[in-house]
Amino acid sequence: MALKWVSKPKKKIEYSKRVVAIVLSFCIIVTIFAMILMWVTKDTSPLAYLIPSVFAETGIVISFYLDKAKKENISKGARENESELETET
């Protein structure tokens, strides 16, 4: 008789968390690439254009994610408060 391995179902990562992770990794990769490129070419022009644009994109994505999380937590808190009020009365 063969044993069947029982595995726990994998927890899916939310789409918004995936987007934040991808953007953060892209930011790190571009920053490292720009640092290497500046070291090899002895030119600091990427500091003026490439790196600020990547960090601006990262800031926008993180701010949208934080706003989304805030709205979800506020709605969750409102639902919990309603259920507490119903149980008290």
PDB file of N, CA and C in Angstrom:
ATOM      1  N   MET A   1       0.841  -1.168   0.000  1.00  0.00           N
ATOM      2  CA  MET A   1       0.000   0.000   0.000  1.00  0.00           C
ATOM      3  C   MET A   1       0.896   1.244   0.000  1.00  0.00           C
ATOM      4  N   ALA A   2       0.659   2.112  -0.918  1.00  0.00           N
ATOM      5  CA  ALA A   2       1.475   3.320  -1.055  1.00  0.00           C
ATOM      6  C   ALA A   2       0.958   4.419  -0.133  1.00  0.00           C
ATOM      7  N   LEU A   3       1.897   5.121   0.439  1.00  0.00           N
ATOM      8  CA  LEU A   3       1.523   6.243   1.290  1.00  0.00           C
ATOM      9  C   LEU A   3       1.322   7.477   0.429  1.00  0.00           C
ATOM     10  N   LYS A   4       0.267   8.156   0.693  1.00  0.00           N
ATOM     11  CA  LYS A   4       0.022   9.420   0.000  1.00  0.00           C
ATOM     12  C   LYS A   4       0.458  10.543   0.924  1.00  0.00           C
ATOM     13  N   TRP A   5       1.346  11.367   0.412  1.00  0.00           N
ATOM     14  CA  TRP A   5       1.810  12.494   1.208  1.00  0.00           C
ATOM     15  C   TRP A   5       0.745  13.568   1.197  1.00  0.00           C
ATOM     16  N   VAL A   6       0.379  13.962   2.367  1.00  0.00           N
ATOM     17  CA  VAL A   6      -0.627  15.001   2.511  1.00  0.00           C
ATOM     18  C   VAL A   6       0.098  16.332   2.653  1.00  0.00           C
ATOM     19  N   SER A   7      -0.144  17.191   1.722  1.00  0.00           N
ATOM     20  CA  SER A   7       0.498  18.503   1.794  1.00  0.00           C
ATOM     21  C   SER A   7      -0.553  19.555   2.101  1.00  0.00           C
ATOM     22  N   LYS A   8      -0.118  20.545   2.806  1.00  0.00           N
ATOM     23  CA  LYS A   8      -1.012  21.638   3.133  1.00  0.00           C
ATOM     24  C   LYS A   8      -1.232  22.474   1.877  1.00  0.00           C
ATOM     25  N   PRO A   9      -2.426  22.996   1.725  1.00  0.00           N
ATOM     26  CA  PRO A   9      -2.648  23.854   0.556  1.00  0.00           C
ATOM     27  C   PRO A   9      -1.781  25.111   0.654  1.00  0.00           C
ATOM     28  N   LYS A  10      -1.210  25.472  -0.470  1.00  0.00           N
ATOM     29  CA  LYS A  10      -0.341  26.645  -0.490  1.00  0.00           C
ATOM     30  C   LYS A  10      -1.181  27.904  -0.330  1.00  0.00           C
ATOM     31  N   LYS A  11      -0.657  28.810   0.477  1.00  0.00           N
ATOM     32  CA  LYS A  11      -1.340  30.063   0.690  1.00  0.00           C
ATOM     33  C   LYS A  11      -0.976  31.000  -0.456  1.00  0.00           C
ATOM     34  N   LYS A  12      -1.977  31.491  -1.148  1.00  0.00           N
ATOM     35  CA  LYS A  12      -1.712  32.378  -2.272  1.00  0.00           C
ATOM     36  C   LYS A  12      -1.366  33.771  -1.769  1.00  0.00           C
ATOM     37  N   ILE A  13      -0.369  34.355  -2.392  1.00  0.00           N
ATOM     38  CA  ILE A  13       0.037  35.713  -2.057  1.00  0.00           C
ATOM     39  C   ILE A  13      -0.865  36.669  -2.829  1.00  0.00           C
ATOM     40  N   GLU A  14      -1.314  37.708  -2.144  1.00  0.00           N
ATOM     41  CA  GLU A  14      -2.191  38.684  -2.781  1.00  0.00           C
ATOM     42  C   GLU A  14      -1.496  39.340  -3.974  1.00  0.00           C
ATOM     43  N   TYR A  15      -2.290  39.737  -4.944  1.00  0.00           N
ATOM     44  CA  TYR A  15      -1.759  40.343  -6.159  1.00  0.00           C
ATOM     45  C   TYR A  15      -1.017  41.638  -5.844  1.00  0.00           C
ATOM     46  N   SER A  16      -1.576  42.441  -4.954  1.00  0.00           N
ATOM     47  CA  SER A  16      -0.942  43.721  -4.638  1.00  0.00           C
ATOM     48  C   SER A  16       0.411  43.514  -3.963  1.00  0.00           C
ATOM     49  N   LYS A  17       0.535  42.480  -3.136  1.00  0.00           N
ATOM     50  CA  LYS A  17       1.824  42.198  -2.503  1.00  0.00           C
ATOM     51  C   LYS A  17       2.836  41.725  -3.533  1.00  0.00           C
ATOM     52  N   ARG A  18       2.381  40.989  -4.532  1.00  0.00           N
ATOM     53  CA  ARG A  18       3.279  40.571  -5.613  1.00  0.00           C
ATOM     54  C   ARG A  18       3.792  41.777  -6.386  1.00  0.00           C
ATOM     55  N   VAL A  19       2.892  42.722  -6.667  1.00  0.00           N
ATOM     56  CA  VAL A  19       3.291  43.915  -7.415  1.00  0.00           C
ATOM     57  C   VAL A  19       4.326  44.708  -6.633  1.00  0.00           C
ATOM     58  N   VAL A  20       4.111  44.886  -5.328  1.00  0.00           N
ATOM     59  CA  VAL A  20       5.067  45.617  -4.495  1.00  0.00           C
ATOM     60  C   VAL A  20       6.413  44.897  -4.486  1.00  0.00           C
ATOM     61  N   ALA A  21       6.403  43.583  -4.363  1.00  0.00           N
ATOM     62  CA  ALA A  21       7.656  42.819  -4.346  1.00  0.00           C
ATOM     63  C   ALA A  21       8.400  42.952  -5.676  1.00  0.00           C
ATOM     64  N   ILE A  22       7.677  42.910  -6.776  1.00  0.00           N
ATOM     65  CA  ILE A  22       8.299  43.034  -8.100  1.00  0.00           C
ATOM     66  C   ILE A  22       8.898  44.417  -8.280  1.00  0.00           C
ATOM     67  N   VAL A  23       8.163  45.451  -7.884  1.00  0.00           N
ATOM     68  CA  VAL A  23       8.667  46.814  -8.048  1.00  0.00           C
ATOM     69  C   VAL A  23       9.876  47.056  -7.152  1.00  0.00           C
ATOM     70  N   LEU A  24       9.850  46.560  -5.918  1.00  0.00           N
ATOM     71  CA  LEU A  24      10.997  46.727  -5.032  1.00  0.00           C
ATOM     72  C   LEU A  24      12.232  45.998  -5.568  1.00  0.00           C
ATOM     73  N   SER A  25      12.033  44.787  -6.086  1.00  0.00           N
ATOM     74  CA  SER A  25      13.181  44.067  -6.648  1.00  0.00           C
ATOM     75  C   SER A  25      13.711  44.776  -7.897  1.00  0.00           C
ATOM     76  N   PHE A  26      12.810  45.315  -8.710  1.00  0.00           N
ATOM     77  CA  PHE A  26      13.233  46.082  -9.885  1.00  0.00           C
ATOM     78  C   PHE A  26      14.033  47.309  -9.462  1.00  0.00           C
ATOM     79  N   CYS A  27      13.607  47.971  -8.412  1.00  0.00           N
ATOM     80  CA  CYS A  27      14.311  49.150  -7.902  1.00  0.00           C
ATOM     81  C   CYS A  27      15.720  48.786  -7.436  1.00  0.00           C
ATOM     82  N   ILE A  28      15.841  47.684  -6.733  1.00  0.00           N
ATOM     83  CA  ILE A  28      17.148  47.250  -6.250  1.00  0.00           C
ATOM     84  C   ILE A  28      18.060  46.879  -7.418  1.00  0.00           C
ATOM     85  N   ILE A  29      17.523  46.161  -8.392  1.00  0.00           N
ATOM     86  CA  ILE A  29      18.316  45.747  -9.554  1.00  0.00           C
ATOM     87  C   ILE A  29      18.804  46.957 -10.346  1.00  0.00           C
ATOM     88  N   VAL A  30      17.917  47.915 -10.593  1.00  0.00           N
ATOM     89  CA  VAL A  30      18.302  49.098 -11.363  1.00  0.00           C
ATOM     90  C   VAL A  30      19.337  49.920 -10.605  1.00  0.00           C
ATOM     91  N   THR A  31      19.183  50.028  -9.284  1.00  0.00           N
ATOM     92  CA  THR A  31      20.145  50.784  -8.490  1.00  0.00           C
ATOM     93  C   THR A  31      21.527  50.141  -8.542  1.00  0.00           C
ATOM     94  N   ILE A  32      21.584  48.827  -8.393  1.00  0.00           N
ATOM     95  CA  ILE A  32      22.868  48.127  -8.459  1.00  0.00           C
ATOM     96  C   ILE A  32      23.480  48.253  -9.849  1.00  0.00           C
ATOM     97  N   PHE A  33      22.653  48.096 -10.892  1.00  0.00           N
ATOM     98  CA  PHE A  33      23.140  48.239 -12.261  1.00  0.00           C
ATOM     99  C   PHE A  33      23.695  49.641 -12.503  1.00  0.00           C
ATOM    100  N   ALA A  34      22.980  50.657 -12.016  1.00  0.00           N
ATOM    101  CA  ALA A  34      23.433  52.039 -12.213  1.00  0.00           C
ATOM    102  C   ALA A  34      24.730  52.294 -11.462  1.00  0.00           C
ATOM    103  N   MET A  35      24.865  51.731 -10.255  1.00  0.00           N
ATOM    104  CA  MET A  35      26.105  51.913  -9.497  1.00  0.00           C
ATOM    105  C   MET A  35      27.290  51.275 -10.216  1.00  0.00           C
ATOM    106  N   ILE A  36      27.093  50.081 -10.747  1.00  0.00           N
ATOM    107  CA  ILE A  36      28.162  49.407 -11.489  1.00  0.00           C
ATOM    108  C   ILE A  36      28.509  50.193 -12.755  1.00  0.00           C
ATOM    109  N   LEU A  37      27.468  50.652 -13.453  1.00  0.00           N
ATOM    110  CA  LEU A  37      27.686  51.421 -14.678  1.00  0.00           C
ATOM    111  C   LEU A  37      28.427  52.720 -14.389  1.00  0.00           C
ATOM    112  N   MET A  38      28.080  53.394 -13.305  1.00  0.00           N
ATOM    113  CA  MET A  38      28.786  54.631 -12.950  1.00  0.00           C
ATOM    114  C   MET A  38      30.240  54.350 -12.583  1.00  0.00           C
ATOM    115  N   TRP A  39      30.488  53.230 -11.930  1.00  0.00           N
ATOM    116  CA  TRP A  39      31.852  52.886 -11.543  1.00  0.00           C
ATOM    117  C   TRP A  39      32.708  52.560 -12.769  1.00  0.00           C
ATOM    118  N   VAL A  40      32.127  51.826 -13.733  1.00  0.00           N
ATOM    119  CA  VAL A  40      32.875  51.428 -14.923  1.00  0.00           C
ATOM    120  C   VAL A  40      33.118  52.620 -15.844  1.00  0.00           C
ATOM    121  N   THR A  41      32.098  53.435 -16.077  1.00  0.00           N
ATOM    122  CA  THR A  41      32.221  54.528 -17.041  1.00  0.00           C
ATOM    123  C   THR A  41      32.717  55.837 -16.433  1.00  0.00           C
ATOM    124  N   LYS A  42      32.767  55.898 -15.108  1.00  0.00           N
ATOM    125  CA  LYS A  42      33.170  57.132 -14.397  1.00  0.00           C
ATOM    126  C   LYS A  42      32.275  58.305 -14.768  1.00  0.00           C
ATOM    127  N   ASP A  43      30.997  58.013 -14.977  1.00  0.00           N
ATOM    128  CA  ASP A  43      30.013  59.024 -15.348  1.00  0.00           C
ATOM    129  C   ASP A  43      28.850  58.940 -14.362  1.00  0.00           C
ATOM    130  N   THR A  44      28.464  60.066 -13.793  1.00  0.00           N
ATOM    131  CA  THR A  44      27.391  60.052 -12.795  1.00  0.00           C
ATOM    132  C   THR A  44      26.044  60.527 -13.348  1.00  0.00           C
ATOM    133  N   SER A  45      25.877  60.557 -14.639  1.00  0.00           N
ATOM    134  CA  SER A  45      24.603  61.010 -15.199  1.00  0.00           C
ATOM    135  C   SER A  45      23.413  60.101 -14.832  1.00  0.00           C
ATOM    136  N   PRO A  46      23.594  58.792 -14.577  1.00  0.00           N
ATOM    137  CA  PRO A  46      22.430  57.999 -14.138  1.00  0.00           C
ATOM    138  C   PRO A  46      21.831  58.497 -12.823  1.00  0.00           C
ATOM    139  N   LEU A  47      22.635  59.184 -12.012  1.00  0.00           N
ATOM    140  CA  LEU A  47      22.102  59.731 -10.768  1.00  0.00           C
ATOM    141  C   LEU A  47      21.024  60.777 -11.031  1.00  0.00           C
ATOM    142  N   ALA A  48      21.099  61.430 -12.164  1.00  0.00           N
ATOM    143  CA  ALA A  48      20.154  62.497 -12.468  1.00  0.00           C
ATOM    144  C   ALA A  48      18.861  61.996 -13.100  1.00  0.00           C
ATOM    145  N   TYR A  49      18.888  60.865 -13.779  1.00  0.00           N
ATOM    146  CA  TYR A  49      17.714  60.450 -14.540  1.00  0.00           C
ATOM    147  C   TYR A  49      17.187  59.067 -14.171  1.00  0.00           C
ATOM    148  N   LEU A  50      18.044  58.083 -14.192  1.00  0.00           N
ATOM    149  CA  LEU A  50      17.603  56.696 -14.052  1.00  0.00           C
ATOM    150  C   LEU A  50      17.138  56.379 -12.637  1.00  0.00           C
ATOM    151  N   ILE A  51      17.965  56.656 -11.669  1.00  0.00           N
ATOM    152  CA  ILE A  51      17.640  56.287 -10.291  1.00  0.00           C
ATOM    153  C   ILE A  51      16.433  57.055  -9.750  1.00  0.00           C
ATOM    154  N   PRO A  52      16.310  58.376  -9.954  1.00  0.00           N
ATOM    155  CA  PRO A  52      15.117  59.062  -9.438  1.00  0.00           C
ATOM    156  C   PRO A  52      13.807  58.559 -10.048  1.00  0.00           C
ATOM    157  N   SER A  53      13.836  58.195 -11.313  1.00  0.00           N
ATOM    158  CA  SER A  53      12.596  57.702 -11.929  1.00  0.00           C
ATOM    159  C   SER A  53      12.180  56.363 -11.333  1.00  0.00           C
ATOM    160  N   VAL A  54      13.136  55.501 -11.041  1.00  0.00           N
ATOM    161  CA  VAL A  54      12.814  54.203 -10.449  1.00  0.00           C
ATOM    162  C   VAL A  54      12.294  54.376  -9.024  1.00  0.00           C
ATOM    163  N   PHE A  55      12.923  55.265  -8.260  1.00  0.00           N
ATOM    164  CA  PHE A  55      12.462  55.494  -6.890  1.00  0.00           C
ATOM    165  C   PHE A  55      11.105  56.184  -6.864  1.00  0.00           C
ATOM    166  N   ALA A  56      10.811  57.028  -7.845  1.00  0.00           N
ATOM    167  CA  ALA A  56       9.487  57.653  -7.922  1.00  0.00           C
ATOM    168  C   ALA A  56       8.424  56.592  -8.186  1.00  0.00           C
ATOM    169  N   GLU A  57       8.714  55.677  -9.098  1.00  0.00           N
ATOM    170  CA  GLU A  57       7.778  54.583  -9.379  1.00  0.00           C
ATOM    171  C   GLU A  57       7.561  53.729  -8.133  1.00  0.00           C
ATOM    172  N   THR A  58       8.625  53.433  -7.420  1.00  0.00           N
ATOM    173  CA  THR A  58       8.525  52.627  -6.200  1.00  0.00           C
ATOM    174  C   THR A  58       7.694  53.353  -5.144  1.00  0.00           C
ATOM    175  N   GLY A  59       7.913  54.647  -4.993  1.00  0.00           N
ATOM    176  CA  GLY A  59       7.138  55.419  -4.024  1.00  0.00           C
ATOM    177  C   GLY A  59       5.658  55.448  -4.346  1.00  0.00           C
ATOM    178  N   ILE A  60       5.329  55.559  -5.625  1.00  0.00           N
ATOM    179  CA  ILE A  60       3.927  55.580  -6.036  1.00  0.00           C
ATOM    180  C   ILE A  60       3.265  54.243  -5.750  1.00  0.00           C
ATOM    181  N   VAL A  61       3.927  53.151  -6.086  1.00  0.00           N
ATOM    182  CA  VAL A  61       3.358  51.822  -5.858  1.00  0.00           C
ATOM    183  C   VAL A  61       3.157  51.566  -4.365  1.00  0.00           C
ATOM    184  N   ILE A  62       4.136  51.925  -3.561  1.00  0.00           N
ATOM    185  CA  ILE A  62       4.015  51.700  -2.121  1.00  0.00           C
ATOM    186  C   ILE A  62       2.911  52.566  -1.528  1.00  0.00           C
ATOM    187  N   SER A  63       2.774  53.814  -1.990  1.00  0.00           N
ATOM    188  CA  SER A  63       1.711  54.664  -1.450  1.00  0.00           C
ATOM    189  C   SER A  63       0.330  54.128  -1.815  1.00  0.00           C
ATOM    190  N   PHE A  64       0.162  53.623  -3.039  1.00  0.00           N
ATOM    191  CA  PHE A  64      -1.122  53.022  -3.412  1.00  0.00           C
ATOM    192  C   PHE A  64      -1.404  51.770  -2.593  1.00  0.00           C
ATOM    193  N   TYR A  65      -0.367  50.969  -2.344  1.00  0.00           N
ATOM    194  CA  TYR A  65      -0.550  49.757  -1.542  1.00  0.00           C
ATOM    195  C   TYR A  65      -0.946  50.104  -0.110  1.00  0.00           C
ATOM    196  N   LEU A  66      -0.278  51.086   0.474  1.00  0.00           N
ATOM    197  CA  LEU A  66      -0.606  51.485   1.840  1.00  0.00           C
ATOM    198  C   LEU A  66      -2.011  52.064   1.927  1.00  0.00           C
ATOM    199  N   ASP A  67      -2.426  52.826   0.911  1.00  0.00           N
ATOM    200  CA  ASP A  67      -3.783  53.367   0.890  1.00  0.00           C
ATOM    201  C   ASP A  67      -4.814  52.245   0.793  1.00  0.00           C
ATOM    202  N   LYS A  68      -4.528  51.243  -0.024  1.00  0.00           N
ATOM    203  CA  LYS A  68      -5.422  50.093  -0.164  1.00  0.00           C
ATOM    204  C   LYS A  68      -5.536  49.335   1.154  1.00  0.00           C
ATOM    205  N   ALA A  69      -4.404  49.123   1.816  1.00  0.00           N
ATOM    206  CA  ALA A  69      -4.412  48.409   3.095  1.00  0.00           C
ATOM    207  C   ALA A  69      -5.162  49.208   4.157  1.00  0.00           C
ATOM    208  N   LYS A  70      -5.011  50.527   4.143  1.00  0.00           N
ATOM    209  CA  LYS A  70      -5.721  51.367   5.110  1.00  0.00           C
ATOM    210  C   LYS A  70      -7.229  51.251   4.913  1.00  0.00           C
ATOM    211  N   LYS A  71      -7.672  51.301   3.665  1.00  0.00           N
ATOM    212  CA  LYS A  71      -9.108  51.186   3.395  1.00  0.00           C
ATOM    213  C   LYS A  71      -9.643  49.822   3.807  1.00  0.00           C
ATOM    214  N   GLU A  72      -8.876  48.768   3.555  1.00  0.00           N
ATOM    215  CA  GLU A  72      -9.320  47.429   3.957  1.00  0.00           C
ATOM    216  C   GLU A  72      -9.418  47.313   5.475  1.00  0.00           C
ATOM    217  N   ASN A  73      -8.444  47.869   6.199  1.00  0.00           N
ATOM    218  CA  ASN A  73      -8.462  47.789   7.651  1.00  0.00           C
ATOM    219  C   ASN A  73      -9.570  48.628   8.259  1.00  0.00           C
ATOM    220  N   ILE A  74      -9.871  49.780   7.653  1.00  0.00           N
ATOM    221  CA  ILE A  74     -10.966  50.601   8.154  1.00  0.00           C
ATOM    222  C   ILE A  74     -12.295  49.873   7.979  1.00  0.00           C
ATOM    223  N   SER A  75     -12.494  49.256   6.811  1.00  0.00           N
ATOM    224  CA  SER A  75     -13.752  48.540   6.585  1.00  0.00           C
ATOM    225  C   SER A  75     -13.845  47.310   7.488  1.00  0.00           C
ATOM    226  N   LYS A  76     -12.716  46.648   7.739  1.00  0.00           N
ATOM    227  CA  LYS A  76     -12.709  45.493   8.631  1.00  0.00           C
ATOM    228  C   LYS A  76     -13.030  45.936  10.060  1.00  0.00           C
ATOM    229  N   GLY A  77     -12.472  47.058  10.476  1.00  0.00           N
ATOM    230  CA  GLY A  77     -12.734  47.582  11.810  1.00  0.00           C
ATOM    231  C   GLY A  77     -14.183  47.991  11.981  1.00  0.00           C
ATOM    232  N   ALA A  78     -14.773  48.567  10.943  1.00  0.00           N
ATOM    233  CA  ALA A  78     -16.177  48.963  11.015  1.00  0.00           C
ATOM    234  C   ALA A  78     -17.071  47.730  11.155  1.00  0.00           C
ATOM    235  N   ARG A  79     -16.751  46.658  10.433  1.00  0.00           N
ATOM    236  CA  ARG A  79     -17.546  45.433  10.547  1.00  0.00           C
ATOM    237  C   ARG A  79     -17.427  44.822  11.937  1.00  0.00           C
ATOM    238  N   GLU A  80     -16.214  44.844  12.504  1.00  0.00           N
ATOM    239  CA  GLU A  80     -16.019  44.290  13.845  1.00  0.00           C
ATOM    240  C   GLU A  80     -16.760  45.118  14.887  1.00  0.00           C
ATOM    241  N   ASN A  81     -16.759  46.445  14.726  1.00  0.00           N
ATOM    242  CA  ASN A  81     -17.476  47.301  15.662  1.00  0.00           C
ATOM    243  C   ASN A  81     -18.976  47.053  15.599  1.00  0.00           C
ATOM    244  N   GLU A  82     -19.501  46.843  14.399  1.00  0.00           N
ATOM    245  CA  GLU A  82     -20.931  46.545  14.266  1.00  0.00           C
ATOM    246  C   GLU A  82     -21.289  45.251  14.944  1.00  0.00           C
ATOM    247  N   SER A  83     -20.443  44.220  14.787  1.00  0.00           N
ATOM    248  CA  SER A  83     -20.733  42.932  15.418  1.00  0.00           C
ATOM    249  C   SER A  83     -20.627  43.025  16.933  1.00  0.00           C
ATOM    250  N   GLU A  84     -19.694  43.840  17.461  1.00  0.00           N
ATOM    251  CA  GLU A  84     -19.586  44.040  18.900  1.00  0.00           C
ATOM    252  C   GLU A  84     -20.812  44.748  19.454  1.00  0.00           C
ATOM    253  N   LEU A  85     -21.320  45.736  18.697  1.00  0.00           N
ATOM    254  CA  LEU A  85     -22.507  46.439  19.148  1.00  0.00           C
ATOM    255  C   LEU A  85     -23.720  45.521  19.183  1.00  0.00           C
ATOM    256  N   GLU A  86     -23.820  44.632  18.212  1.00  0.00           N
ATOM    257  CA  GLU A  86     -24.952  43.701  18.180  1.00  0.00           C
ATOM    258  C   GLU A  86     -24.891  42.715  19.329  1.00  0.00           C
ATOM    259  N   THR A  87     -23.688  42.271  19.698  1.00  0.00           N
ATOM    260  CA  THR A  87     -23.583  41.307  20.791  1.00  0.00           C
ATOM    261  C   THR A  87     -23.799  41.956  22.142  1.00  0.00           C
ATOM    262  N   GLU A  88     -23.512  43.259  22.284  1.00  0.00           N
ATOM    263  CA  GLU A  88     -23.724  43.942  23.560  1.00  0.00           C
ATOM    264  C   GLU A  88     -25.182  44.178  23.842  1.00  0.00           C
ATOM    265  N   THR A  89     -25.977  44.382  22.817  1.00  0.00           N
ATOM    266  CA  THR A  89     -27.398  44.675  23.056  1.00  0.00           C
ATOM    267  C   THR A  89     -28.239  43.447  23.111  1.00  0.00           C
TER     268      THR A  89
END
